[in-house]
Amino acid sequence: MIPAQQVIDLALDAAGSGRHAGTDTETIVLVTDRTEASLRWAGNSMTTNGVSSSRTTTVVTIARDDEGPRVGSLCSAEVDPALIPELVAASAEAAAGAPEARDAAELVGGSGMPDDWDADAPETGAEVFAGLAASLSRGFRGADQLYGFARHEVATTFLASSTGLRRRFTQPTGTVEINAKRARASAWAGVSTPDFVDVRCDSLLEQLSRRLGWAARSVELPAGRYETLMPPSTVADMMIYLGWTMSGRGAQEGRTALSAPGGGTRVGERLSDLPLTLYSDPHAFGLECAPFVATGTSSETVSVFDNGLDIGCVDWIRGGVINALAYPRAAAAEFGAPVALPADNLLMTGGSASMDEMIASTERGLLLTTLWYIREVDPTTLLLTGLTRDGVYLVEDGQVRAAVNNFRFNESPLDLLRRATQAGIAEPTLPREWGDWATRAVMPSLRIPDFHMSSVSQAQ
């Protein structure tokens, strides 16, 4: 493949030569080069591994004429330089036939060339798994059956526009997920990591072995409301979905759970008696992500017109109070709200109790270790449904006594925050349900006095 920077130059040159009289045309080009390494194992044996490389090129054309700004955007995985003019022409044709863009704004201007603009995109390889593979090989000699996979991706995005904008960012993303089985019991654990240096596979295996030991005894419980301890992974699955729905436009137009009765939004409303703060920050240590907008399509929370705009730290919930909603520049101007852009991570503050301490102070309740197959039931209340999987445990008199059957649950993350009576230590975690899309999270454990297990699930 030719360098990504050369792809951008060719695309911008093709866009410049293809402009038509009477139309003011602007072009944005995004090129993402990525390498991905993967490792899989099953039944205490390595099965497959490999390394792949790929490129995606997105051309966004903005046509400004008497009919208003219109946007065309096309993405391609082709790497043949001869096809670049065709991609640019197709993007321009899409813009010509598009409706007026609701999120129109002036493009972000150039502010100089980054010092590393001409540097090669870094890559990853199988060697990143060396420490993990050594730990797994020791685990394979045990009695428990281990299944799982690890992946590491390094993606570098180059962003440029006809206004002179030039920005780039390299995003490393890694995850490890392990299922352990003993007799009829199974348990899951997962972690996210930028580089695998901080992955402690031995401690993951110890955690799984402990949970399988709890499952030596099992009991059947009916559906109902139970005091429930939610570890950080399950909290992340619920809060990430909340984060995805915090659109200012959706709330202003009365379509979401953040809409206020009678009009407006719920910003300023106290949501929790606990002093919890939910925020995103592209510079959060260990969870760093792109500090600027880089998108080929617009949504209610991000706009192609904002490409290159700086992303800062935003407190979405501050001290238990709803503090901000997501507004690209055009929506912020329309509704008189501050611009707020979500970063690709989510963090929440917590308390001082460890999970062991929270268990020890529980008279009777459930320990809910993972969630699965989460779907939205009602957007106006943000009611979600889903299943438990690979580890629901009965806690009695401060100790985990047995595994229990699986359930279907019905809960809203907003209601969970409203009803939570205790928050544990906040720590980095991997959401199980959303781990393919959202790997950078820090969450506390939560104690919910009446978590709603709506029915018994037959899934085992």
Protein backbone atom coordinates (compact mmCIF):
# COMPACT_ATOMS: atom_id res chain seq x y z
CA MET A 1 0.00 0.00 0.00
CA ILE A 2 1.16 3.52 -0.67
CA PRO A 3 1.48 5.68 2.47
CA ALA A 4 -1.76 7.04 3.92
CA GLN A 5 -0.47 10.58 3.55
CA GLN A 6 -0.10 10.03 -0.19
CA VAL A 7 -3.67 8.73 -0.40
CA ILE A 8 -4.84 11.98 1.19
CA ASP A 9 -2.83 14.09 -1.24
CA LEU A 10 -4.23 12.19 -4.23
CA ALA A 11 -7.80 12.50 -2.94
CA LEU A 12 -7.56 16.22 -2.27
CA ASP A 13 -5.94 16.80 -5.68
CA ALA A 14 -8.74 14.84 -7.37
CA ALA A 15 -11.35 16.82 -5.45
CA GLY A 16 -9.78 20.11 -6.50
CA SER A 17 -9.68 19.22 -10.17
CA GLY A 18 -13.27 17.97 -10.15
CA ARG A 19 -15.00 21.07 -8.79
CA HIS A 20 -17.83 22.56 -10.82
CA ALA A 21 -18.57 26.21 -11.44
CA GLY A 22 -21.29 27.63 -9.21
CA THR A 23 -20.65 25.16 -6.38
CA ASP A 24 -18.34 25.81 -3.45
CA THR A 25 -16.99 22.35 -2.64
CA GLU A 26 -15.01 21.30 0.43
CA THR A 27 -13.48 17.90 1.00
CA ILE A 28 -12.54 15.91 4.08
CA VAL A 29 -10.44 12.75 3.81
CA LEU A 30 -9.94 10.17 6.53
CA VAL A 31 -7.55 7.25 6.12
CA THR A 32 -7.24 4.61 8.82
CA ASP A 33 -4.45 2.04 8.67
CA ARG A 34 -4.77 -0.84 11.12
CA THR A 35 -3.04 -4.06 11.98
CA GLU A 36 -4.72 -6.68 14.15
CA ALA A 37 -3.28 -9.70 15.91
CA SER A 38 -5.53 -12.41 17.35
CA LEU A 39 -5.11 -15.51 19.49
CA ARG A 40 -7.75 -18.15 20.26
CA TRP A 41 -7.86 -21.20 22.48
CA ALA A 42 -10.39 -23.93 23.32
CA GLY A 43 -10.37 -26.98 25.57
CA ASN A 44 -6.95 -26.06 27.01
CA SER A 45 -5.27 -25.85 23.64
CA MET A 46 -4.31 -23.03 21.32
CA THR A 47 -6.38 -23.17 18.14
CA THR A 48 -5.73 -20.24 15.79
CA ASN A 49 -3.69 -17.10 15.63
CA GLY A 50 -2.89 -14.56 12.97
CA VAL A 51 -2.06 -11.01 11.99
CA SER A 52 -3.90 -8.94 9.40
CA SER A 53 -3.58 -5.44 8.01
CA SER A 54 -6.19 -3.25 6.37
CA ARG A 55 -6.99 0.29 5.30
CA THR A 56 -10.21 2.26 5.05
CA THR A 57 -10.45 5.51 3.12
CA THR A 58 -13.40 7.85 3.59
CA VAL A 59 -14.05 10.88 1.41
CA VAL A 60 -16.60 13.44 2.63
CA THR A 61 -17.72 16.05 0.11
CA ILE A 62 -19.56 19.18 1.24
CA ALA A 63 -21.27 21.09 -1.56
CA ARG A 64 -22.42 24.61 -0.72
CA ASP A 65 -24.74 26.35 -3.17
CA ASP A 66 -28.09 28.13 -3.27
CA GLU A 67 -29.83 24.96 -2.06
CA GLY A 68 -27.76 24.92 1.13
CA PRO A 69 -24.91 22.70 2.34
CA ARG A 70 -25.19 19.07 1.28
CA VAL A 71 -22.99 16.15 2.30
CA GLY A 72 -21.84 13.05 0.46
CA SER A 73 -19.70 10.46 2.21
CA LEU A 74 -18.25 7.22 0.84
CA CYS A 75 -15.94 4.71 2.47
CA SER A 76 -13.78 2.15 0.69
CA ALA A 77 -11.42 -0.66 1.69
CA GLU A 78 -9.72 -0.63 -1.74
CA VAL A 79 -5.98 0.11 -1.71
CA ASP A 80 -5.37 0.65 -5.43
CA PRO A 81 -4.33 4.32 -5.88
CA ALA A 82 -5.94 4.36 -9.33
CA LEU A 83 -9.36 4.04 -7.69
CA ILE A 84 -9.02 7.15 -5.53
CA PRO A 85 -10.40 9.60 -8.15
CA GLU A 86 -13.43 7.34 -8.57
CA LEU A 87 -14.09 7.40 -4.82
CA VAL A 88 -13.82 11.20 -4.79
CA ALA A 89 -16.16 11.52 -7.78
CA ALA A 90 -18.71 9.18 -6.20
CA SER A 91 -18.63 11.21 -2.98
CA ALA A 92 -19.21 14.42 -4.92
CA GLU A 93 -22.10 12.82 -6.81
CA ALA A 94 -23.65 11.71 -3.50
CA ALA A 95 -23.39 15.26 -2.17
CA ALA A 96 -25.07 16.68 -5.26
CA GLY A 97 -28.13 14.49 -4.69
CA ALA A 98 -28.28 14.81 -0.89
CA PRO A 99 -30.80 16.90 1.09
CA GLU A 100 -29.69 20.00 2.95
CA ALA A 101 -27.51 19.11 5.93
CA ARG A 102 -29.15 19.88 9.24
CA ASP A 103 -25.82 19.99 11.07
CA ALA A 104 -24.05 22.44 8.73
CA ALA A 105 -21.23 24.55 10.13
CA GLU A 106 -17.97 26.03 8.93
CA LEU A 107 -15.22 23.44 8.68
CA VAL A 108 -12.37 23.47 11.15
CA GLY A 109 -9.43 25.29 9.66
CA GLY A 110 -5.82 24.21 9.43
CA SER A 111 -3.43 24.94 12.28
CA GLY A 112 -0.19 23.62 10.89
CA MET A 113 1.21 20.21 10.11
CA PRO A 114 1.66 17.83 13.08
CA ASP A 115 5.31 16.98 13.75
CA ASP A 116 4.61 13.27 13.21
CA TRP A 117 2.43 13.68 10.13
CA ASP A 118 4.93 12.00 7.77
CA ALA A 119 5.84 9.17 10.16
CA ASP A 120 4.84 5.60 9.35
CA ALA A 121 1.80 4.14 11.09
CA PRO A 122 2.89 1.81 13.92
CA GLU A 123 1.87 -1.85 13.80
CA THR A 124 1.27 -4.78 16.12
CA GLY A 125 2.13 -8.46 15.87
CA ALA A 126 1.81 -11.84 17.56
CA GLU A 127 4.71 -11.03 19.88
CA VAL A 128 2.36 -8.84 21.92
CA PHE A 129 0.79 -12.05 23.30
CA ALA A 130 4.04 -13.58 24.60
CA GLY A 131 3.33 -13.07 28.30
CA LEU A 132 -0.32 -14.01 27.95
CA ALA A 133 0.49 -17.23 26.08
CA ALA A 134 2.97 -18.27 28.77
CA SER A 135 0.35 -17.77 31.52
CA LEU A 136 -2.28 -19.63 29.52
CA SER A 137 0.04 -22.59 28.94
CA ARG A 138 0.35 -22.96 32.70
CA GLY A 139 -3.43 -22.70 33.03
CA PHE A 140 -3.91 -25.40 30.39
CA ARG A 141 -2.22 -27.88 32.74
CA GLY A 142 -4.99 -27.40 35.33
CA ALA A 143 -8.26 -29.26 35.72
CA ASP A 144 -10.52 -26.46 34.44
CA GLN A 145 -11.27 -26.21 30.74
CA LEU A 146 -10.31 -22.82 29.31
CA TYR A 147 -11.78 -21.16 26.23
CA GLY A 148 -11.31 -17.65 24.93
CA PHE A 149 -9.56 -15.20 22.69
CA ALA A 150 -7.31 -12.17 22.73
CA ARG A 151 -7.00 -9.45 20.16
CA HIS A 152 -4.79 -6.43 19.73
CA GLU A 153 -5.37 -3.70 17.18
CA VAL A 154 -3.29 -0.65 16.39
CA ALA A 155 -5.19 1.83 14.21
CA THR A 156 -3.79 5.14 13.00
CA THR A 157 -6.26 7.65 11.59
CA PHE A 158 -5.07 10.47 9.32
CA LEU A 159 -7.51 13.37 8.93
CA ALA A 160 -7.15 16.13 6.35
CA SER A 161 -9.38 18.64 4.62
CA SER A 162 -9.30 21.18 1.84
CA THR A 163 -9.19 23.89 4.54
CA GLY A 164 -5.62 22.82 5.39
CA LEU A 165 -6.54 20.73 8.42
CA ARG A 166 -4.07 17.92 9.23
CA ARG A 167 -4.37 15.68 12.29
CA ARG A 168 -3.46 12.09 13.16
CA PHE A 169 -3.90 9.75 16.10
CA THR A 170 -2.84 6.18 16.84
CA GLN A 171 -5.28 4.09 18.90
CA PRO A 172 -4.09 0.81 20.45
CA THR A 173 -6.93 -1.48 21.56
CA GLY A 174 -6.56 -4.84 23.25
CA THR A 175 -8.89 -7.28 24.99
CA VAL A 176 -8.68 -10.69 26.64
CA GLU A 177 -11.78 -12.78 27.37
CA ILE A 178 -11.64 -16.17 29.11
CA ASN A 179 -14.37 -18.70 29.80
CA ALA A 180 -13.54 -21.41 32.33
CA LYS A 181 -15.64 -24.55 32.75
CA ARG A 182 -15.76 -27.11 35.54
CA ALA A 183 -18.38 -29.84 35.40
CA ARG A 184 -21.61 -27.98 34.47
CA ALA A 185 -20.43 -24.62 35.80
CA SER A 186 -18.87 -21.84 33.76
CA ALA A 187 -17.44 -18.41 34.54
CA TRP A 188 -16.25 -15.46 32.44
CA ALA A 189 -13.62 -12.81 32.99
CA GLY A 190 -12.23 -10.17 30.67
CA VAL A 191 -9.90 -7.18 30.64
CA SER A 192 -9.02 -4.40 28.24
CA THR A 193 -5.50 -3.17 27.66
CA PRO A 194 -3.66 -0.83 25.28
CA ASP A 195 -0.49 -2.94 25.09
CA PHE A 196 -0.84 -6.20 27.13
CA VAL A 197 1.93 -5.08 29.49
CA ASP A 198 -0.60 -4.72 32.32
CA VAL A 199 -2.51 -7.99 31.71
CA ARG A 200 -2.27 -10.32 34.70
CA CYS A 201 -3.58 -13.55 33.25
CA ASP A 202 -2.68 -15.56 36.36
CA SER A 203 -4.96 -13.38 38.49
CA LEU A 204 -7.77 -13.77 35.92
CA LEU A 205 -7.43 -17.55 36.16
CA GLU A 206 -7.46 -17.37 39.96
CA GLN A 207 -10.64 -15.29 39.83
CA LEU A 208 -12.28 -17.81 37.51
CA SER A 209 -11.25 -20.73 39.68
CA ARG A 210 -12.73 -19.02 42.73
CA ARG A 211 -16.05 -18.51 40.96
CA LEU A 212 -16.15 -22.11 39.77
CA GLY A 213 -15.56 -23.14 43.36
CA TRP A 214 -18.61 -21.12 44.42
CA ALA A 215 -20.62 -23.08 41.85
CA ALA A 216 -19.89 -26.45 43.48
CA ARG A 217 -23.31 -25.94 45.08
CA SER A 218 -26.26 -24.64 43.08
CA VAL A 219 -29.75 -23.50 44.02
CA GLU A 220 -32.83 -22.54 42.02
CA LEU A 221 -34.41 -19.15 42.67
CA PRO A 222 -37.62 -17.69 41.25
CA ALA A 223 -37.92 -14.40 39.38
CA GLY A 224 -38.29 -11.33 41.55
CA ARG A 225 -36.45 -8.34 42.94
CA TYR A 226 -33.19 -9.06 44.76
CA GLU A 227 -30.53 -7.02 46.45
CA THR A 228 -27.78 -7.31 43.87
CA LEU A 229 -24.07 -6.55 43.76
CA MET A 230 -22.97 -5.44 40.30
CA PRO A 231 -19.19 -5.64 39.64
CA PRO A 232 -17.60 -3.01 37.36
CA SER A 233 -18.09 -5.04 34.14
CA THR A 234 -21.88 -5.21 34.54
CA VAL A 235 -22.04 -1.55 35.57
CA ALA A 236 -20.06 -0.67 32.43
CA ASP A 237 -22.52 -2.51 30.18
CA MET A 238 -25.39 -0.43 31.58
CA MET A 239 -23.61 2.94 31.77
CA ILE A 240 -22.13 2.69 28.28
CA TYR A 241 -25.61 2.29 26.86
CA LEU A 242 -26.66 5.35 28.86
CA GLY A 243 -23.72 7.25 27.39
CA TRP A 244 -24.76 6.33 23.86
CA THR A 245 -28.21 7.84 24.44
CA MET A 246 -27.16 11.21 25.90
CA SER A 247 -27.96 13.20 22.77
CA GLY A 248 -28.94 16.79 23.37
CA ARG A 249 -31.08 16.92 20.22
CA GLY A 250 -32.96 13.75 21.12
CA ALA A 251 -33.67 15.07 24.60
CA GLN A 252 -34.71 18.53 23.33
CA GLU A 253 -37.13 16.93 20.87
CA GLY A 254 -38.75 14.78 23.56
CA ARG A 255 -37.56 11.43 22.21
CA THR A 256 -35.30 10.10 24.98
CA ALA A 257 -35.21 9.34 28.67
CA LEU A 258 -33.28 12.60 29.17
CA SER A 259 -36.26 14.67 27.95
CA ALA A 260 -38.04 16.69 30.63
CA PRO A 261 -41.82 16.45 31.00
CA GLY A 262 -43.37 19.45 29.27
CA GLY A 263 -40.28 20.21 27.16
CA GLY A 264 -36.56 20.75 27.53
CA THR A 265 -34.07 18.36 29.08
CA ARG A 266 -33.34 16.89 32.48
CA VAL A 267 -29.98 18.65 32.80
CA GLY A 268 -29.73 19.90 36.39
CA GLU A 269 -31.89 17.12 37.81
CA ARG A 270 -30.49 15.09 40.70
CA LEU A 271 -30.29 11.48 39.62
CA SER A 272 -28.53 9.81 42.54
CA ASP A 273 -27.99 10.42 46.23
CA LEU A 274 -24.50 8.99 45.76
CA PRO A 275 -21.93 11.59 44.65
CA LEU A 276 -21.21 9.77 41.38
CA THR A 277 -19.63 11.49 38.39
CA LEU A 278 -19.89 9.92 34.94
CA TYR A 279 -17.47 11.48 32.45
CA SER A 280 -15.42 11.00 29.31
CA ASP A 281 -11.87 12.27 28.91
CA PRO A 282 -9.64 11.55 25.89
CA HIS A 283 -6.56 12.06 28.05
CA ALA A 284 -7.55 9.70 30.90
CA PHE A 285 -4.46 7.71 31.88
CA GLY A 286 -4.49 4.23 30.37
CA LEU A 287 -7.69 4.96 28.47
CA GLU A 288 -6.37 7.57 26.04
CA CYS A 289 -8.38 7.96 22.84
CA ALA A 290 -8.67 10.39 19.92
CA PRO A 291 -8.67 13.97 21.27
CA PHE A 292 -10.42 15.32 18.18
CA VAL A 293 -13.47 14.49 16.06
CA ALA A 294 -12.75 12.05 13.22
CA THR A 295 -15.93 10.76 11.61
CA GLY A 296 -17.19 9.97 8.14
CA THR A 297 -20.87 10.25 9.05
CA SER A 298 -23.01 12.53 11.18
CA SER A 299 -25.23 11.43 14.05
CA GLU A 300 -27.05 13.20 16.84
CA THR A 301 -23.86 13.31 18.92
CA VAL A 302 -21.19 13.95 16.27
CA SER A 303 -21.01 15.87 12.99
CA VAL A 304 -18.81 15.57 9.91
CA PHE A 305 -18.60 19.36 9.93
CA ASP A 306 -16.79 19.12 13.29
CA ASN A 307 -13.97 16.93 11.97
CA GLY A 308 -10.73 18.02 13.63
CA LEU A 309 -12.48 19.83 16.48
CA ASP A 310 -10.86 19.25 19.87
CA ILE A 311 -12.64 16.91 22.30
CA GLY A 312 -12.29 17.75 25.97
CA CYS A 313 -13.26 16.20 29.28
CA VAL A 314 -17.05 16.29 29.83
CA ASP A 315 -18.86 15.49 33.08
CA TRP A 316 -22.13 14.00 31.84
CA ILE A 317 -23.28 13.39 35.42
CA ARG A 318 -21.55 15.38 38.15
CA GLY A 319 -21.97 14.56 41.81
CA GLY A 320 -25.16 12.63 41.10
CA VAL A 321 -26.70 15.45 39.00
CA ILE A 322 -27.25 15.31 35.22
CA ASN A 323 -24.76 17.90 34.03
CA ALA A 324 -24.40 17.78 30.22
CA LEU A 325 -25.72 16.27 27.02
CA ALA A 326 -23.89 15.73 23.74
CA TYR A 327 -24.15 18.63 21.27
CA PRO A 328 -22.15 19.06 18.06
CA ARG A 329 -21.63 22.72 17.12
CA ALA A 330 -24.75 23.08 14.96
CA ALA A 331 -27.06 21.52 17.55
CA ALA A 332 -25.46 23.55 20.33
CA ALA A 333 -26.15 26.76 18.39
CA GLU A 334 -29.71 25.68 17.60
CA PHE A 335 -30.61 24.92 21.22
CA GLY A 336 -28.42 27.48 22.99
CA ALA A 337 -26.37 24.81 24.75
CA PRO A 338 -22.62 24.42 25.20
CA VAL A 339 -20.77 22.24 22.71
CA ALA A 340 -20.12 18.84 24.29
CA LEU A 341 -18.47 16.01 22.39
CA PRO A 342 -18.16 12.43 23.66
CA ALA A 343 -14.74 10.80 23.74
CA ASP A 344 -14.30 7.10 23.06
CA ASN A 345 -14.12 6.18 26.72
CA LEU A 346 -16.36 6.38 29.79
CA LEU A 347 -15.44 6.64 33.44
CA MET A 348 -17.39 6.84 36.69
CA THR A 349 -16.18 7.67 40.16
CA GLY A 350 -16.96 5.36 43.06
CA GLY A 351 -16.48 4.75 46.74
CA SER A 352 -13.88 3.03 48.91
CA ALA A 353 -15.28 -0.49 49.40
CA SER A 354 -13.78 -3.50 47.67
CA MET A 355 -16.06 -6.18 46.22
CA ASP A 356 -15.04 -8.54 49.03
CA GLU A 357 -16.09 -5.90 51.56
CA MET A 358 -19.41 -5.38 49.79
CA ILE A 359 -20.03 -9.14 49.87
CA ALA A 360 -19.11 -9.31 53.55
CA SER A 361 -21.73 -6.65 54.38
CA THR A 362 -24.53 -8.41 52.46
CA GLU A 363 -27.10 -10.34 54.49
CA ARG A 364 -28.77 -11.93 51.48
CA GLY A 365 -28.53 -11.04 47.82
CA LEU A 366 -27.09 -11.89 44.41
CA LEU A 367 -23.66 -11.33 42.91
CA LEU A 368 -24.20 -10.66 39.20
CA THR A 369 -20.91 -11.08 37.33
CA THR A 370 -21.84 -10.71 33.63
CA LEU A 371 -24.68 -9.48 31.41
CA TRP A 372 -25.56 -10.70 27.94
CA TYR A 373 -27.79 -9.89 24.95
CA ILE A 374 -28.87 -6.44 26.15
CA ARG A 375 -31.60 -4.78 24.10
CA GLU A 376 -33.64 -1.60 24.48
CA VAL A 377 -37.31 -2.00 25.41
CA ASP A 378 -38.45 1.61 25.87
CA PRO A 379 -36.30 4.60 24.80
CA THR A 380 -38.45 7.07 26.76
CA THR A 381 -37.42 5.43 30.05
CA LEU A 382 -34.24 3.75 28.77
CA LEU A 383 -35.61 0.40 29.92
CA LEU A 384 -33.24 -2.38 28.88
CA THR A 385 -33.68 -6.12 28.93
CA GLY A 386 -31.04 -8.82 28.82
CA LEU A 387 -29.81 -12.09 30.25
CA THR A 388 -27.43 -13.17 32.94
CA ARG A 389 -24.73 -15.62 31.93
CA ASP A 390 -21.69 -17.48 33.29
CA GLY A 391 -22.06 -16.65 36.93
CA VAL A 392 -24.92 -15.50 39.17
CA TYR A 393 -24.23 -16.32 42.81
CA LEU A 394 -26.17 -16.34 46.06
CA VAL A 395 -24.69 -14.30 48.90
CA GLU A 396 -25.84 -15.10 52.44
CA ASP A 397 -24.49 -13.82 55.75
CA GLY A 398 -21.52 -12.13 54.08
CA GLN A 399 -20.36 -15.12 52.03
CA VAL A 400 -20.97 -16.47 48.55
CA ARG A 401 -22.84 -19.74 49.16
CA ALA A 402 -23.84 -21.11 45.75
CA ALA A 403 -24.46 -20.50 42.06
CA VAL A 404 -28.05 -19.79 41.03
CA ASN A 405 -29.97 -20.16 37.79
CA ASN A 406 -29.90 -17.55 35.05
CA PHE A 407 -32.49 -14.80 34.68
CA ARG A 408 -33.86 -12.30 32.21
CA PHE A 409 -33.68 -8.81 33.70
CA ASN A 410 -35.52 -5.54 33.01
CA GLU A 411 -33.70 -2.43 34.22
CA SER A 412 -32.88 1.13 33.24
CA PRO A 413 -29.37 2.50 33.90
CA LEU A 414 -31.00 5.75 35.02
CA ASP A 415 -33.08 3.89 37.58
CA LEU A 416 -30.07 1.88 38.72
CA LEU A 417 -28.24 5.11 39.53
CA ARG A 418 -31.32 6.48 41.28
CA ARG A 419 -31.70 3.39 43.47
CA ALA A 420 -28.05 2.50 44.12
CA THR A 421 -27.24 2.55 47.83
CA GLN A 422 -23.48 1.92 47.68
CA ALA A 423 -20.63 2.34 45.22
CA GLY A 424 -17.39 0.41 45.45
CA ILE A 425 -13.92 1.19 44.20
CA ALA A 426 -13.79 2.40 40.58
CA GLU A 427 -11.42 0.33 38.44
CA PRO A 428 -10.66 -0.35 34.77
CA THR A 429 -13.01 -2.94 33.33
CA LEU A 430 -14.24 -4.60 30.15
CA PRO A 431 -17.99 -4.69 29.47
CA ARG A 432 -18.94 -8.13 28.24
CA GLU A 433 -21.87 -7.19 26.01
CA TRP A 434 -20.33 -4.07 24.46
CA GLY A 435 -16.69 -5.15 24.58
CA ASP A 436 -16.45 -5.31 20.78
CA TRP A 437 -17.17 -1.57 20.56
CA ALA A 438 -16.36 0.01 23.92
CA THR A 439 -13.18 -1.23 25.59
CA ARG A 440 -12.04 1.84 27.53
CA ALA A 441 -14.01 2.08 30.77
CA VAL A 442 -13.51 2.67 34.48
CA MET A 443 -16.48 1.80 36.68
CA PRO A 444 -17.27 1.11 40.34
CA SER A 445 -19.26 -1.78 41.74
CA LEU A 446 -22.83 -0.86 42.70
CA ARG A 447 -25.25 -2.20 45.28
CA ILE A 448 -28.83 -2.22 44.00
CA PRO A 449 -31.43 -3.05 46.71
CA ASP A 450 -34.11 -4.34 44.30
CA PHE A 451 -32.63 -5.39 40.95
CA HIS A 452 -35.46 -6.75 38.80
CA MET A 453 -35.00 -10.33 37.62
CA SER A 454 -38.15 -10.45 35.52
CA SER A 455 -38.14 -14.15 34.63
CA VAL A 456 -36.09 -17.29 34.92
CA SER A 457 -33.93 -18.06 31.88
CA GLN A 458 -33.38 -21.64 30.73
CA ALA A 459 -30.02 -20.71 29.17
CA GLN A 460 -27.10 -22.38 30.92
